[in-house]
PDB file of N, CA and C in Angstrom:
ATOM      1  N   MET A   1      -5.275  -8.110   8.462  1.00  0.00           N
ATOM      2  CA  MET A   1      -4.531  -6.875   8.509  1.00  0.00           C
ATOM      3  C   MET A   1      -4.577  -6.363   9.944  1.00  0.00           C
ATOM      4  N   ALA A   2      -3.454  -5.921  10.408  1.00  0.00           N
ATOM      5  CA  ALA A   2      -3.350  -5.383  11.764  1.00  0.00           C
ATOM      6  C   ALA A   2      -4.130  -4.075  11.870  1.00  0.00           C
ATOM      7  N   LYS A   3      -4.778  -3.894  12.984  1.00  0.00           N
ATOM      8  CA  LYS A   3      -5.552  -2.677  13.227  1.00  0.00           C
ATOM      9  C   LYS A   3      -4.604  -1.507  13.410  1.00  0.00           C
ATOM     10  N   LEU A   4      -4.881  -0.411  12.724  1.00  0.00           N
ATOM     11  CA  LEU A   4      -4.072   0.797  12.829  1.00  0.00           C
ATOM     12  C   LEU A   4      -4.977   1.896  13.368  1.00  0.00           C
ATOM     13  N   THR A   5      -4.740   2.283  14.617  1.00  0.00           N
ATOM     14  CA  THR A   5      -5.574   3.314  15.224  1.00  0.00           C
ATOM     15  C   THR A   5      -5.213   4.682  14.653  1.00  0.00           C
ATOM     16  N   SER A   6      -6.061   5.656  14.882  1.00  0.00           N
ATOM     17  CA  SER A   6      -5.788   6.999  14.371  1.00  0.00           C
ATOM     18  C   SER A   6      -4.539   7.588  15.021  1.00  0.00           C
ATOM     19  N   GLU A   7      -4.315   7.294  16.294  1.00  0.00           N
ATOM     20  CA  GLU A   7      -3.102   7.792  16.965  1.00  0.00           C
ATOM     21  C   GLU A   7      -1.855   7.152  16.364  1.00  0.00           C
ATOM     22  N   GLU A   8      -1.909   5.838  16.127  1.00  0.00           N
ATOM     23  CA  GLU A   8      -0.765   5.154  15.511  1.00  0.00           C
ATOM     24  C   GLU A   8      -0.509   5.692  14.107  1.00  0.00           C
ATOM     25  N   ARG A   9      -1.581   5.940  13.378  1.00  0.00           N
ATOM     26  CA  ARG A   9      -1.448   6.467  12.013  1.00  0.00           C
ATOM     27  C   ARG A   9      -0.784   7.847  12.027  1.00  0.00           C
ATOM     28  N   LYS A  10      -1.170   8.695  12.981  1.00  0.00           N
ATOM     29  CA  LYS A  10      -0.587  10.035  13.087  1.00  0.00           C
ATOM     30  C   LYS A  10       0.908   9.981  13.387  1.00  0.00           C
ATOM     31  N   GLU A  11       1.333   8.956  14.115  1.00  0.00           N
ATOM     32  CA  GLU A  11       2.731   8.826  14.501  1.00  0.00           C
ATOM     33  C   GLU A  11       3.616   8.241  13.401  1.00  0.00           C
ATOM     34  N   LEU A  12       3.011   7.661  12.370  1.00  0.00           N
ATOM     35  CA  LEU A  12       3.814   7.070  11.295  1.00  0.00           C
ATOM     36  C   LEU A  12       4.508   8.165  10.493  1.00  0.00           C
ATOM     37  N   PRO A  13       5.755   7.936  10.091  1.00  0.00           N
ATOM     38  CA  PRO A  13       6.438   8.917   9.250  1.00  0.00           C
ATOM     39  C   PRO A  13       5.809   8.972   7.857  1.00  0.00           C
ATOM     40  N   ALA A  14       5.966  10.080   7.195  1.00  0.00           N
ATOM     41  CA  ALA A  14       5.357  10.284   5.875  1.00  0.00           C
ATOM     42  C   ALA A  14       5.790   9.234   4.859  1.00  0.00           C
ATOM     43  N   LYS A  15       7.003   8.696   5.010  1.00  0.00           N
ATOM     44  CA  LYS A  15       7.493   7.718   4.036  1.00  0.00           C
ATOM     45  C   LYS A  15       6.754   6.383   4.112  1.00  0.00           C
ATOM     46  N   THR A  16       5.901   6.189   5.116  1.00  0.00           N
ATOM     47  CA  THR A  16       5.148   4.946   5.215  1.00  0.00           C
ATOM     48  C   THR A  16       3.778   5.054   4.548  1.00  0.00           C
ATOM     49  N   PHE A  17       3.574   6.091   3.755  1.00  0.00           N
ATOM     50  CA  PHE A  17       2.342   6.266   2.989  1.00  0.00           C
ATOM     51  C   PHE A  17       2.695   6.329   1.511  1.00  0.00           C
ATOM     52  N   ALA A  18       1.876   5.702   0.685  1.00  0.00           N
ATOM     53  CA  ALA A  18       2.172   5.655  -0.749  1.00  0.00           C
ATOM     54  C   ALA A  18       1.418   6.712  -1.542  1.00  0.00           C
ATOM     55  N   GLY A  19       0.423   7.333  -0.960  1.00  0.00           N
ATOM     56  CA  GLY A  19      -0.381   8.307  -1.693  1.00  0.00           C
ATOM     57  C   GLY A  19      -0.268   9.700  -1.122  1.00  0.00           C
ATOM     58  N   PRO A  20      -0.953  10.629  -1.761  1.00  0.00           N
ATOM     59  CA  PRO A  20      -0.938  12.018  -1.280  1.00  0.00           C
ATOM     60  C   PRO A  20      -1.742  12.162   0.013  1.00  0.00           C
ATOM     61  N   ASN A  21      -1.403  13.173   0.785  1.00  0.00           N
ATOM     62  CA  ASN A  21      -2.139  13.481   2.026  1.00  0.00           C
ATOM     63  C   ASN A  21      -2.202  12.296   2.981  1.00  0.00           C
ATOM     64  N   ARG A  22      -1.085  11.580   3.072  1.00  0.00           N
ATOM     65  CA  ARG A  22      -0.962  10.437   3.982  1.00  0.00           C
ATOM     66  C   ARG A  22      -2.018   9.364   3.710  1.00  0.00           C
ATOM     67  N   SER A  23      -2.296   9.130   2.445  1.00  0.00           N
ATOM     68  CA  SER A  23      -3.223   8.061   2.072  1.00  0.00           C
ATOM     69  C   SER A  23      -2.441   6.806   1.697  1.00  0.00           C
ATOM     70  N   TYR A  24      -3.095   5.710   1.703  1.00  0.00           N
ATOM     71  CA  TYR A  24      -2.521   4.407   1.365  1.00  0.00           C
ATOM     72  C   TYR A  24      -1.330   4.060   2.267  1.00  0.00           C
ATOM     73  N   PRO A  25      -1.582   3.767   3.542  1.00  0.00           N
ATOM     74  CA  PRO A  25      -0.482   3.395   4.426  1.00  0.00           C
ATOM     75  C   PRO A  25       0.150   2.070   3.992  1.00  0.00           C
ATOM     76  N   ILE A  26       1.473   2.014   4.050  1.00  0.00           N
ATOM     77  CA  ILE A  26       2.203   0.790   3.709  1.00  0.00           C
ATOM     78  C   ILE A  26       3.213   0.483   4.817  1.00  0.00           C
ATOM     79  N   ASN A  27       2.783   0.638   6.055  1.00  0.00           N
ATOM     80  CA  ASN A  27       3.669   0.446   7.191  1.00  0.00           C
ATOM     81  C   ASN A  27       4.039  -1.014   7.426  1.00  0.00           C
ATOM     82  N   ASP A  28       3.222  -1.943   6.946  1.00  0.00           N
ATOM     83  CA  ASP A  28       3.557  -3.363   7.048  1.00  0.00           C
ATOM     84  C   ASP A  28       3.027  -4.074   5.800  1.00  0.00           C
ATOM     85  N   ARG A  29       3.343  -5.362   5.698  1.00  0.00           N
ATOM     86  CA  ARG A  29       3.013  -6.124   4.488  1.00  0.00           C
ATOM     87  C   ARG A  29       1.504  -6.157   4.222  1.00  0.00           C
ATOM     88  N   SER A  30       0.713  -6.376   5.240  1.00  0.00           N
ATOM     89  CA  SER A  30      -0.731  -6.471   5.027  1.00  0.00           C
ATOM     90  C   SER A  30      -1.324  -5.140   4.571  1.00  0.00           C
ATOM     91  N   HIS A  31      -0.836  -4.032   5.126  1.00  0.00           N
ATOM     92  CA  HIS A  31      -1.312  -2.724   4.673  1.00  0.00           C
ATOM     93  C   HIS A  31      -0.847  -2.444   3.239  1.00  0.00           C
ATOM     94  N   ALA A  32       0.340  -2.907   2.890  1.00  0.00           N
ATOM     95  CA  ALA A  32       0.841  -2.709   1.527  1.00  0.00           C
ATOM     96  C   ALA A  32      -0.021  -3.472   0.518  1.00  0.00           C
ATOM     97  N   ILE A  33      -0.380  -4.691   0.845  1.00  0.00           N
ATOM     98  CA  ILE A  33      -1.262  -5.476  -0.028  1.00  0.00           C
ATOM     99  C   ILE A  33      -2.607  -4.770  -0.170  1.00  0.00           C
ATOM    100  N   ASN A  34      -3.137  -4.272   0.940  1.00  0.00           N
ATOM    101  CA  ASN A  34      -4.411  -3.565   0.909  1.00  0.00           C
ATOM    102  C   ASN A  34      -4.310  -2.267   0.106  1.00  0.00           C
ATOM    103  N   ALA A  35      -3.200  -1.553   0.236  1.00  0.00           N
ATOM    104  CA  ALA A  35      -3.010  -0.310  -0.525  1.00  0.00           C
ATOM    105  C   ALA A  35      -3.038  -0.594  -2.025  1.00  0.00           C
ATOM    106  N   LYS A  36      -2.360  -1.658  -2.444  1.00  0.00           N
ATOM    107  CA  LYS A  36      -2.367  -2.024  -3.871  1.00  0.00           C
ATOM    108  C   LYS A  36      -3.783  -2.368  -4.338  1.00  0.00           C
ATOM    109  N   ALA A  37      -4.517  -3.086  -3.514  1.00  0.00           N
ATOM    110  CA  ALA A  37      -5.879  -3.477  -3.883  1.00  0.00           C
ATOM    111  C   ALA A  37      -6.798  -2.264  -3.984  1.00  0.00           C
ATOM    112  N   ARG A  38      -6.731  -1.370  -2.996  1.00  0.00           N
ATOM    113  CA  ARG A  38      -7.591  -0.179  -3.025  1.00  0.00           C
ATOM    114  C   ARG A  38      -7.212   0.743  -4.168  1.00  0.00           C
ATOM    115  N   ALA A  39      -5.934   0.878  -4.458  1.00  0.00           N
ATOM    116  CA  ALA A  39      -5.508   1.716  -5.580  1.00  0.00           C
ATOM    117  C   ALA A  39      -6.012   1.139  -6.898  1.00  0.00           C
ATOM    118  N   THR A  40      -6.002  -0.172  -7.012  1.00  0.00           N
ATOM    119  CA  THR A  40      -6.525  -0.814  -8.219  1.00  0.00           C
ATOM    120  C   THR A  40      -8.006  -0.505  -8.390  1.00  0.00           C
ATOM    121  N   GLN A  41      -8.743  -0.480  -7.287  1.00  0.00           N
ATOM    122  CA  GLN A  41     -10.182  -0.226  -7.340  1.00  0.00           C
ATOM    123  C   GLN A  41     -10.532   1.235  -7.562  1.00  0.00           C
ATOM    124  N   PHE A  42      -9.827   2.142  -6.883  1.00  0.00           N
ATOM    125  CA  PHE A  42     -10.324   3.510  -6.801  1.00  0.00           C
ATOM    126  C   PHE A  42      -9.409   4.605  -7.330  1.00  0.00           C
ATOM    127  N   ALA A  43      -8.133   4.352  -7.486  1.00  0.00           N
ATOM    128  CA  ALA A  43      -7.190   5.412  -7.848  1.00  0.00           C
ATOM    129  C   ALA A  43      -7.115   5.611  -9.359  1.00  0.00           C
ATOM    130  N   SER A  44      -6.647   6.790  -9.732  1.00  0.00           N
ATOM    131  CA  SER A  44      -6.374   7.054 -11.145  1.00  0.00           C
ATOM    132  C   SER A  44      -5.197   6.179 -11.567  1.00  0.00           C
ATOM    133  N   PRO A  45      -5.008   5.973 -12.860  1.00  0.00           N
ATOM    134  CA  PRO A  45      -3.858   5.180 -13.308  1.00  0.00           C
ATOM    135  C   PRO A  45      -2.515   5.744 -12.820  1.00  0.00           C
ATOM    136  N   ALA A  46      -2.393   7.058 -12.773  1.00  0.00           N
ATOM    137  CA  ALA A  46      -1.144   7.667 -12.313  1.00  0.00           C
ATOM    138  C   ALA A  46      -0.913   7.393 -10.820  1.00  0.00           C
ATOM    139  N   LEU A  47      -1.955   7.532 -10.015  1.00  0.00           N
ATOM    140  CA  LEU A  47      -1.819   7.273  -8.584  1.00  0.00           C
ATOM    141  C   LEU A  47      -1.585   5.787  -8.329  1.00  0.00           C
ATOM    142  N   LYS A  48      -2.264   4.929  -9.073  1.00  0.00           N
ATOM    143  CA  LYS A  48      -2.048   3.485  -8.928  1.00  0.00           C
ATOM    144  C   LYS A  48      -0.592   3.143  -9.202  1.00  0.00           C
ATOM    145  N   ALA A  49      -0.014   3.731 -10.237  1.00  0.00           N
ATOM    146  CA  ALA A  49       1.394   3.481 -10.562  1.00  0.00           C
ATOM    147  C   ALA A  49       2.294   3.960  -9.421  1.00  0.00           C
ATOM    148  N   LYS A  50       1.958   5.087  -8.816  1.00  0.00           N
ATOM    149  CA  LYS A  50       2.746   5.622  -7.701  1.00  0.00           C
ATOM    150  C   LYS A  50       2.666   4.689  -6.497  1.00  0.00           C
ATOM    151  N   VAL A  51       1.471   4.203  -6.181  1.00  0.00           N
ATOM    152  CA  VAL A  51       1.287   3.282  -5.062  1.00  0.00           C
ATOM    153  C   VAL A  51       2.047   1.982  -5.324  1.00  0.00           C
ATOM    154  N   ASP A  52       1.910   1.440  -6.526  1.00  0.00           N
ATOM    155  CA  ASP A  52       2.608   0.200  -6.874  1.00  0.00           C
ATOM    156  C   ASP A  52       4.121   0.365  -6.745  1.00  0.00           C
ATOM    157  N   ALA A  53       4.641   1.506  -7.201  1.00  0.00           N
ATOM    158  CA  ALA A  53       6.082   1.757  -7.126  1.00  0.00           C
ATOM    159  C   ALA A  53       6.549   1.869  -5.677  1.00  0.00           C
ATOM    160  N   ALA A  54       5.782   2.557  -4.849  1.00  0.00           N
ATOM    161  CA  ALA A  54       6.153   2.709  -3.438  1.00  0.00           C
ATOM    162  C   ALA A  54       6.148   1.362  -2.719  1.00  0.00           C
ATOM    163  N   VAL A  55       5.148   0.544  -3.014  1.00  0.00           N
ATOM    164  CA  VAL A  55       5.080  -0.787  -2.407  1.00  0.00           C
ATOM    165  C   VAL A  55       6.251  -1.640  -2.884  1.00  0.00           C
ATOM    166  N   ALA A  56       6.565  -1.565  -4.163  1.00  0.00           N
ATOM    167  CA  ALA A  56       7.675  -2.356  -4.711  1.00  0.00           C
ATOM    168  C   ALA A  56       9.011  -1.949  -4.086  1.00  0.00           C
ATOM    169  N   ARG A  57       9.183  -0.656  -3.820  1.00  0.00           N
ATOM    170  CA  ARG A  57      10.416  -0.202  -3.171  1.00  0.00           C
ATOM    171  C   ARG A  57      10.524  -0.726  -1.739  1.00  0.00           C
ATOM    172  N   LYS A  58       9.421  -0.684  -1.025  1.00  0.00           N
ATOM    173  CA  LYS A  58       9.446  -1.071   0.387  1.00  0.00           C
ATOM    174  C   LYS A  58       9.378  -2.592   0.574  1.00  0.00           C
ATOM    175  N   PHE A  59       8.637  -3.271  -0.299  1.00  0.00           N
ATOM    176  CA  PHE A  59       8.458  -4.715  -0.195  1.00  0.00           C
ATOM    177  C   PHE A  59       8.749  -5.357  -1.551  1.00  0.00           C
ATOM    178  N   PRO A  60      10.032  -5.498  -1.911  1.00  0.00           N
ATOM    179  CA  PRO A  60      10.367  -6.092  -3.214  1.00  0.00           C
ATOM    180  C   PRO A  60       9.754  -7.488  -3.344  1.00  0.00           C
ATOM    181  N   GLY A  61       9.202  -7.769  -4.497  1.00  0.00           N
ATOM    182  CA  GLY A  61       8.607  -9.076  -4.745  1.00  0.00           C
ATOM    183  C   GLY A  61       7.175  -9.211  -4.293  1.00  0.00           C
ATOM    184  N   LEU A  62       6.637  -8.212  -3.622  1.00  0.00           N
ATOM    185  CA  LEU A  62       5.261  -8.300  -3.129  1.00  0.00           C
ATOM    186  C   LEU A  62       4.274  -8.340  -4.279  1.00  0.00           C
ATOM    187  N   GLY A  63       4.539  -7.633  -5.345  1.00  0.00           N
ATOM    188  CA  GLY A  63       3.652  -7.666  -6.505  1.00  0.00           C
ATOM    189  C   GLY A  63       3.508  -9.058  -7.069  1.00  0.00           C
ATOM    190  N   ASP A  64       4.601  -9.806  -7.092  1.00  0.00           N
ATOM    191  CA  ASP A  64       4.552 -11.187  -7.571  1.00  0.00           C
ATOM    192  C   ASP A  64       3.702 -12.044  -6.645  1.00  0.00           C
ATOM    193  N   ALA A  65       3.825 -11.824  -5.344  1.00  0.00           N
ATOM    194  CA  ALA A  65       3.046 -12.585  -4.374  1.00  0.00           C
ATOM    195  C   ALA A  65       1.557 -12.277  -4.511  1.00  0.00           C
ATOM    196  N   VAL A  66       1.210 -11.030  -4.746  1.00  0.00           N
ATOM    197  CA  VAL A  66      -0.199 -10.650  -4.901  1.00  0.00           C
ATOM    198  C   VAL A  66      -0.769 -11.274  -6.168  1.00  0.00           C
ATOM    199  N   ARG A  67       0.000 -11.244  -7.262  1.00  0.00           N
ATOM    200  CA  ARG A  67      -0.478 -11.853  -8.516  1.00  0.00           C
ATOM    201  C   ARG A  67      -0.688 -13.348  -8.355  1.00  0.00           C
ATOM    202  N   SER A  68       0.197 -14.032  -7.653  1.00  0.00           N
ATOM    203  CA  SER A  68       0.044 -15.472  -7.478  1.00  0.00           C
ATOM    204  C   SER A  68      -1.154 -15.797  -6.602  1.00  0.00           C
ATOM    205  N   MET A  69      -1.489 -14.933  -5.648  1.00  0.00           N
ATOM    206  CA  MET A  69      -2.675 -15.131  -4.807  1.00  0.00           C
ATOM    207  C   MET A  69      -3.940 -15.029  -5.636  1.00  0.00           C
ATOM    208  N   LYS A  70      -3.969 -14.130  -6.622  1.00  0.00           N
ATOM    209  CA  LYS A  70      -5.161 -13.950  -7.442  1.00  0.00           C
ATOM    210  C   LYS A  70      -5.424 -15.142  -8.331  1.00  0.00           C
ATOM    211  N   LYS A  71      -4.371 -15.881  -8.711  1.00  0.00           N
ATOM    212  CA  LYS A  71      -4.520 -17.035  -9.604  1.00  0.00           C
ATOM    213  C   LYS A  71      -5.149 -18.219  -8.914  1.00  0.00           C
ATOM    214  N   LYS A  72      -5.134 -18.264  -7.585  1.00  0.00           N
ATOM    215  CA  LYS A  72      -5.671 -19.410  -6.843  1.00  0.00           C
ATOM    216  C   LYS A  72      -7.165 -19.423  -6.842  1.00  0.00           C
TER     217      LYS A  72
END
C-alpha cells in the first residue's frame, strides 16, 4: 500500500473516504482493499456495508478480486 502522509490525507477530497469523519480512505486500489479489510474487522455491520458500497462504486469488481485472494 502506498504511504499516505497526513498532509496528503488532508488534501484528499471528502469523496475519497468511505467512512464518517474522513475515515477509511479509498483514494487508490490498495487503500480500498485495506478499507474493506479494516471495516470487516472493526466496523459495525452498517458501517461495513457503507464502506463496501463506496468501494464498489469507485472500484467495480474489487470485491470479487478480494474474495478470490482469500481463497488462495
